[in-house]
Amino acid sequence: MIAAPRVSVLATSASVNNNIRVVESSLPEQNNAQIRIPRKLVRPSVRGIRREALASVDSSLAEVPLPYIRDALKAHGSQMLTAIANTNADLPINRTSSLPRLVTVSSTSSENSFRPTHMLAVHSNSPRSGQRSQVTFYPSHGAVLAATCSSLPNLPASPLSSPSTLPVIPLSLPSPSTFPTLQHFLYTSDSRSLLASLSLPVTASSSNSAPSLLQSLGAINGVWRNACALGVSDEGLWNALDAAWETVLGALEGVKA
């Protein structure tokens, strides 16, 4: 099982009163009725992308310069996302203890060159006590993951003899619900789109409430925690998260005032 490193961050809650403090500390905290929110998100130290991780998913990438790989993946990002959206699979019961090693998929798309190569089984790395972690499945492309996420170990290659069979990769994350937002960015590197989506609650409303803004901060924090855990190596991502955090936090301080 691939277990992303734990990140000691408490997600903000929307069900609170207005007893909110913006502080210079690095992590969101909630004590009794008071929420302490950091003024800035801490940027993690991200190690470089490993060549062996790229070679494990596609041996032809072993000697290709990383900038070239990323440019090529970005150029085809929308096509790969379309292939993901057109992928169907018969999936097991959502239990991490009964995940299959392989899963058979089908596609409604006529384009096979961009088919997914792996099936991610995403679940929480801190499930509630006494409860099994819910698993959500996401078709994905190993080359995208290997070229952008420095903390993932080597992924198994997709079986060439059976292109409709994908290896299942269990992946524990701090914020499973925000993984689709991060996954979309990994394919497009579109920091403007990411910033717009994370800041939408502020820009789309002229009357924001503290609970809704806290929920937005929680979503930004969730993407940040996942990116920290996966070791995402992309300056545009961290810039977009910083800008979104500042925008929503500024709106929250306006509500408090």
Protein backbone atom coordinates (compact mmCIF):
# COMPACT_ATOMS: atom_id res chain seq x y z
CA MET A 1 0.00 0.00 0.00
CA ILE A 2 1.23 3.49 -0.81
CA ALA A 3 0.81 5.64 2.26
CA ALA A 4 1.38 9.34 1.74
CA PRO A 5 3.19 10.94 4.69
CA ARG A 6 0.93 12.27 7.41
CA VAL A 7 0.71 16.04 7.70
CA SER A 8 -0.17 17.37 11.14
CA VAL A 9 -2.85 19.87 10.15
CA LEU A 10 -6.32 20.28 11.58
CA ALA A 11 -8.87 21.19 8.91
CA THR A 12 -10.98 24.25 9.62
CA SER A 13 -14.65 23.76 10.39
CA ALA A 14 -17.60 25.67 8.98
CA SER A 15 -19.86 25.04 11.98
CA VAL A 16 -18.40 27.67 14.27
CA ASN A 17 -19.23 31.11 15.57
CA ASN A 18 -17.28 34.26 14.71
CA ASN A 19 -14.66 33.76 17.40
CA ILE A 20 -11.85 33.54 14.86
CA ARG A 21 -8.25 34.69 15.14
CA VAL A 22 -5.76 35.07 12.31
CA VAL A 23 -2.33 34.29 13.71
CA GLU A 24 1.25 34.04 12.49
CA SER A 25 1.54 30.34 13.35
CA SER A 26 1.89 27.76 10.60
CA LEU A 27 -1.05 25.42 11.19
CA PRO A 28 -4.81 25.86 11.56
CA GLU A 29 -6.05 24.99 15.04
CA GLN A 30 -9.40 24.81 16.77
CA ASN A 31 -9.68 25.04 20.56
CA ASN A 32 -13.17 24.90 22.05
CA ALA A 33 -15.08 27.70 20.28
CA GLN A 34 -12.01 29.48 18.89
CA ILE A 35 -10.38 28.86 15.53
CA ARG A 36 -6.80 29.98 14.95
CA ILE A 37 -6.01 30.37 11.26
CA PRO A 38 -2.47 30.93 9.94
CA ARG A 39 -1.95 34.06 7.91
CA LYS A 40 0.09 32.09 5.39
CA LEU A 41 0.40 28.45 4.43
CA VAL A 42 3.84 26.96 4.93
CA ARG A 43 5.61 25.84 1.78
CA PRO A 44 7.14 22.39 2.28
CA SER A 45 10.61 21.40 1.18
CA VAL A 46 9.97 19.28 -1.90
CA ARG A 47 12.65 16.94 -3.14
CA GLY A 48 13.33 16.42 -6.83
CA ILE A 49 11.47 14.01 -9.07
CA ARG A 50 13.20 10.64 -9.14
CA ARG A 51 14.33 9.21 -12.48
CA GLU A 52 13.67 5.66 -11.31
CA ALA A 53 10.05 6.58 -10.60
CA LEU A 54 9.61 7.73 -14.19
CA ALA A 55 11.38 4.64 -15.54
CA SER A 56 9.18 2.33 -13.47
CA VAL A 57 5.99 3.47 -15.24
CA ASP A 58 7.58 3.84 -18.69
CA SER A 59 11.13 2.72 -19.43
CA SER A 60 11.29 5.08 -22.43
CA LEU A 61 11.19 8.06 -20.02
CA ALA A 62 14.36 7.05 -18.17
CA GLU A 63 16.68 9.41 -20.05
CA VAL A 64 14.21 12.06 -21.20
CA PRO A 65 14.72 15.50 -19.58
CA LEU A 66 12.01 16.22 -17.00
CA PRO A 67 11.00 19.63 -18.49
CA TYR A 68 10.36 17.94 -21.85
CA ILE A 69 8.26 15.22 -20.18
CA ARG A 70 6.20 17.79 -18.31
CA ASP A 71 5.66 19.93 -21.41
CA ALA A 72 4.48 16.88 -23.35
CA LEU A 73 2.13 15.78 -20.58
CA LYS A 74 0.72 19.29 -20.25
CA ALA A 75 0.11 19.46 -24.00
CA HIS A 76 -2.01 16.32 -23.79
CA GLY A 77 -3.48 16.99 -20.35
CA SER A 78 -7.01 17.73 -21.56
CA GLN A 79 -7.04 14.58 -23.71
CA MET A 80 -5.92 12.45 -20.79
CA LEU A 81 -8.56 14.00 -18.54
CA THR A 82 -11.17 13.21 -21.19
CA ALA A 83 -9.93 9.63 -21.29
CA ILE A 84 -10.29 9.46 -17.50
CA ALA A 85 -13.86 10.77 -17.70
CA ASN A 86 -14.70 8.12 -20.31
CA THR A 87 -13.29 5.22 -18.28
CA ASN A 88 -15.67 2.80 -16.56
CA ALA A 89 -14.87 -0.08 -14.22
CA ASP A 90 -16.65 -2.72 -12.15
CA LEU A 91 -15.35 -1.79 -8.73
CA PRO A 92 -15.36 -3.72 -5.44
CA ILE A 93 -16.99 -2.76 -2.15
CA ASN A 94 -15.34 0.38 -0.76
CA ARG A 95 -13.10 -1.34 1.77
CA THR A 96 -9.33 -0.98 1.81
CA SER A 97 -9.01 -4.52 3.19
CA SER A 98 -10.59 -6.06 0.09
CA LEU A 99 -9.02 -4.08 -2.73
CA PRO A 100 -8.13 -6.11 -5.81
CA ARG A 101 -4.64 -6.06 -7.25
CA LEU A 102 -5.97 -5.41 -10.75
CA VAL A 103 -9.22 -4.00 -12.13
CA THR A 104 -10.72 -4.36 -15.60
CA VAL A 105 -11.90 -1.16 -17.24
CA SER A 106 -13.70 -0.15 -20.41
CA SER A 107 -13.83 3.14 -22.27
CA THR A 108 -16.49 4.97 -24.24
CA SER A 109 -13.77 6.87 -26.10
CA SER A 110 -12.37 5.80 -29.46
CA GLU A 111 -8.98 7.27 -28.55
CA ASN A 112 -6.82 4.59 -26.89
CA SER A 113 -3.45 6.33 -26.89
CA PHE A 114 -4.35 8.39 -23.81
CA ARG A 115 -6.02 5.64 -21.77
CA PRO A 116 -5.33 5.60 -18.00
CA THR A 117 -2.58 3.32 -16.81
CA HIS A 118 -3.44 2.99 -13.10
CA MET A 119 -6.46 3.00 -10.81
CA LEU A 120 -5.91 5.01 -7.63
CA ALA A 121 -7.86 3.83 -4.57
CA VAL A 122 -7.87 7.02 -2.51
CA HIS A 123 -8.78 6.91 1.17
CA SER A 124 -8.14 8.89 4.34
CA ASN A 125 -4.92 8.43 6.29
CA SER A 126 -6.78 9.27 9.51
CA PRO A 127 -10.23 7.62 9.50
CA ARG A 128 -12.54 8.12 12.44
CA SER A 129 -12.07 5.74 15.32
CA GLY A 130 -13.93 2.46 14.81
CA GLN A 131 -14.77 3.19 11.17
CA ARG A 132 -13.32 1.76 7.99
CA SER A 133 -11.93 4.31 5.60
CA GLN A 134 -14.09 4.94 2.54
CA VAL A 135 -12.32 4.38 -0.75
CA THR A 136 -12.90 6.37 -3.93
CA PHE A 137 -11.41 5.16 -7.21
CA TYR A 138 -9.74 7.47 -9.72
CA PRO A 139 -8.33 6.34 -13.08
CA SER A 140 -4.97 8.00 -13.55
CA HIS A 141 -1.79 8.05 -15.61
CA GLY A 142 1.37 6.83 -13.98
CA ALA A 143 3.58 9.15 -16.01
CA VAL A 144 1.73 12.22 -14.70
CA LEU A 145 2.08 11.05 -11.10
CA ALA A 146 5.75 10.13 -11.47
CA ALA A 147 6.57 13.47 -13.14
CA THR A 148 4.85 15.65 -10.54
CA CYS A 149 4.75 13.83 -7.17
CA SER A 150 8.17 13.35 -5.58
CA SER A 151 6.97 11.45 -2.48
CA LEU A 152 5.34 8.54 -4.27
CA PRO A 153 7.34 5.31 -4.49
CA ASN A 154 7.82 3.57 -7.82
CA LEU A 155 4.52 2.57 -9.40
CA PRO A 156 4.09 -0.77 -11.15
CA ALA A 157 3.93 -0.62 -14.93
CA SER A 158 0.54 -1.13 -16.53
CA PRO A 159 0.25 -4.60 -18.18
CA LEU A 160 1.04 -4.17 -21.89
CA SER A 161 -0.56 -7.51 -22.74
CA SER A 162 -3.91 -6.39 -21.33
CA PRO A 163 -4.51 -2.65 -21.89
CA SER A 164 -7.96 -2.88 -20.30
CA THR A 165 -6.48 -4.09 -16.99
CA LEU A 166 -5.14 -1.49 -14.60
CA PRO A 167 -3.09 -2.06 -11.43
CA VAL A 168 -4.86 -0.75 -8.32
CA ILE A 169 -2.76 1.65 -6.23
CA PRO A 170 -4.01 2.22 -2.63
CA LEU A 171 -3.27 5.84 -1.75
CA SER A 172 -3.89 7.30 1.70
CA LEU A 173 -4.23 11.09 1.81
CA PRO A 174 -5.05 13.73 4.44
CA SER A 175 -7.98 15.12 2.40
CA PRO A 176 -9.50 12.58 -0.02
CA SER A 177 -12.43 14.85 -0.89
CA THR A 178 -10.17 17.52 -2.42
CA PHE A 179 -8.04 15.09 -4.44
CA PRO A 180 -9.98 15.69 -7.72
CA THR A 181 -9.03 19.38 -7.59
CA LEU A 182 -5.36 18.52 -7.19
CA GLN A 183 -5.51 15.77 -9.80
CA HIS A 184 -6.94 18.19 -12.38
CA PHE A 185 -4.05 20.58 -11.74
CA LEU A 186 -1.45 17.83 -12.09
CA TYR A 187 -2.71 17.21 -15.63
CA THR A 188 -3.00 20.82 -16.76
CA SER A 189 -0.55 22.86 -14.63
CA ASP A 190 -3.18 25.59 -15.00
CA SER A 191 -2.58 27.72 -11.91
CA ARG A 192 -5.05 30.38 -13.05
CA SER A 193 -7.86 27.85 -13.27
CA LEU A 194 -6.91 26.41 -9.87
CA LEU A 195 -6.88 29.86 -8.28
CA ALA A 196 -10.24 30.71 -9.84
CA SER A 197 -11.87 27.50 -8.60
CA LEU A 198 -10.53 27.87 -5.05
CA SER A 199 -11.45 31.57 -4.88
CA LEU A 200 -14.87 31.15 -6.53
CA PRO A 201 -16.94 31.41 -3.31
CA VAL A 202 -15.47 34.88 -2.73
CA THR A 203 -15.62 36.19 -6.29
CA ALA A 204 -19.08 34.78 -7.02
CA SER A 205 -20.84 36.32 -4.02
CA SER A 206 -21.17 39.83 -2.68
CA SER A 207 -22.35 38.65 0.74
CA ASN A 208 -20.02 35.96 2.07
CA SER A 209 -20.60 34.50 5.52
CA ALA A 210 -17.94 33.34 7.96
CA PRO A 211 -19.04 29.67 7.78
CA SER A 212 -18.90 29.60 3.96
CA LEU A 213 -15.50 31.29 3.91
CA LEU A 214 -14.18 28.87 6.52
CA GLN A 215 -15.40 26.03 4.34
CA SER A 216 -13.48 27.54 1.42
CA LEU A 217 -10.35 27.83 3.55
CA GLY A 218 -10.84 24.19 4.51
CA ALA A 219 -10.90 23.19 0.83
CA ILE A 220 -7.73 25.16 0.08
CA ASN A 221 -6.12 23.62 3.14
CA GLY A 222 -7.14 20.17 1.94
CA VAL A 223 -5.49 20.64 -1.46
CA TRP A 224 -2.40 22.00 0.32
CA ARG A 225 -2.22 19.02 2.68
CA ASN A 226 -2.52 16.54 -0.20
CA ALA A 227 0.14 18.39 -2.19
CA CYS A 228 2.46 18.34 0.85
CA ALA A 229 1.87 14.63 1.36
CA LEU A 230 2.49 13.77 -2.31
CA GLY A 231 5.47 16.10 -2.59
CA VAL A 232 4.09 17.94 -5.61
CA SER A 233 6.95 19.69 -7.38
CA ASP A 234 5.31 22.62 -9.16
CA GLU A 235 5.89 26.25 -8.24
CA GLY A 236 2.65 27.27 -9.95
CA LEU A 237 0.63 25.12 -7.55
CA TRP A 238 2.11 26.70 -4.44
CA ASN A 239 1.69 30.22 -5.87
CA ALA A 240 -1.98 29.52 -6.64
CA LEU A 241 -2.62 28.12 -3.16
CA ASP A 242 -0.95 31.15 -1.57
CA ALA A 243 -3.05 33.54 -3.65
CA ALA A 244 -6.31 31.66 -2.98
CA TRP A 245 -5.60 31.55 0.76
CA GLU A 246 -4.88 35.28 0.83
CA THR A 247 -8.06 36.08 -1.14
CA VAL A 248 -10.40 34.03 1.03
CA LEU A 249 -8.68 35.02 4.26
CA GLY A 250 -8.99 38.69 3.29
CA ALA A 251 -12.73 38.21 2.72
CA LEU A 252 -13.04 36.45 6.09
CA GLU A 253 -11.30 39.34 7.88
CA GLY A 254 -13.71 41.71 6.14
CA VAL A 255 -16.67 39.73 7.48
CA LYS A 256 -15.20 39.79 10.99
CA ALA A 257 -14.66 43.54 10.78
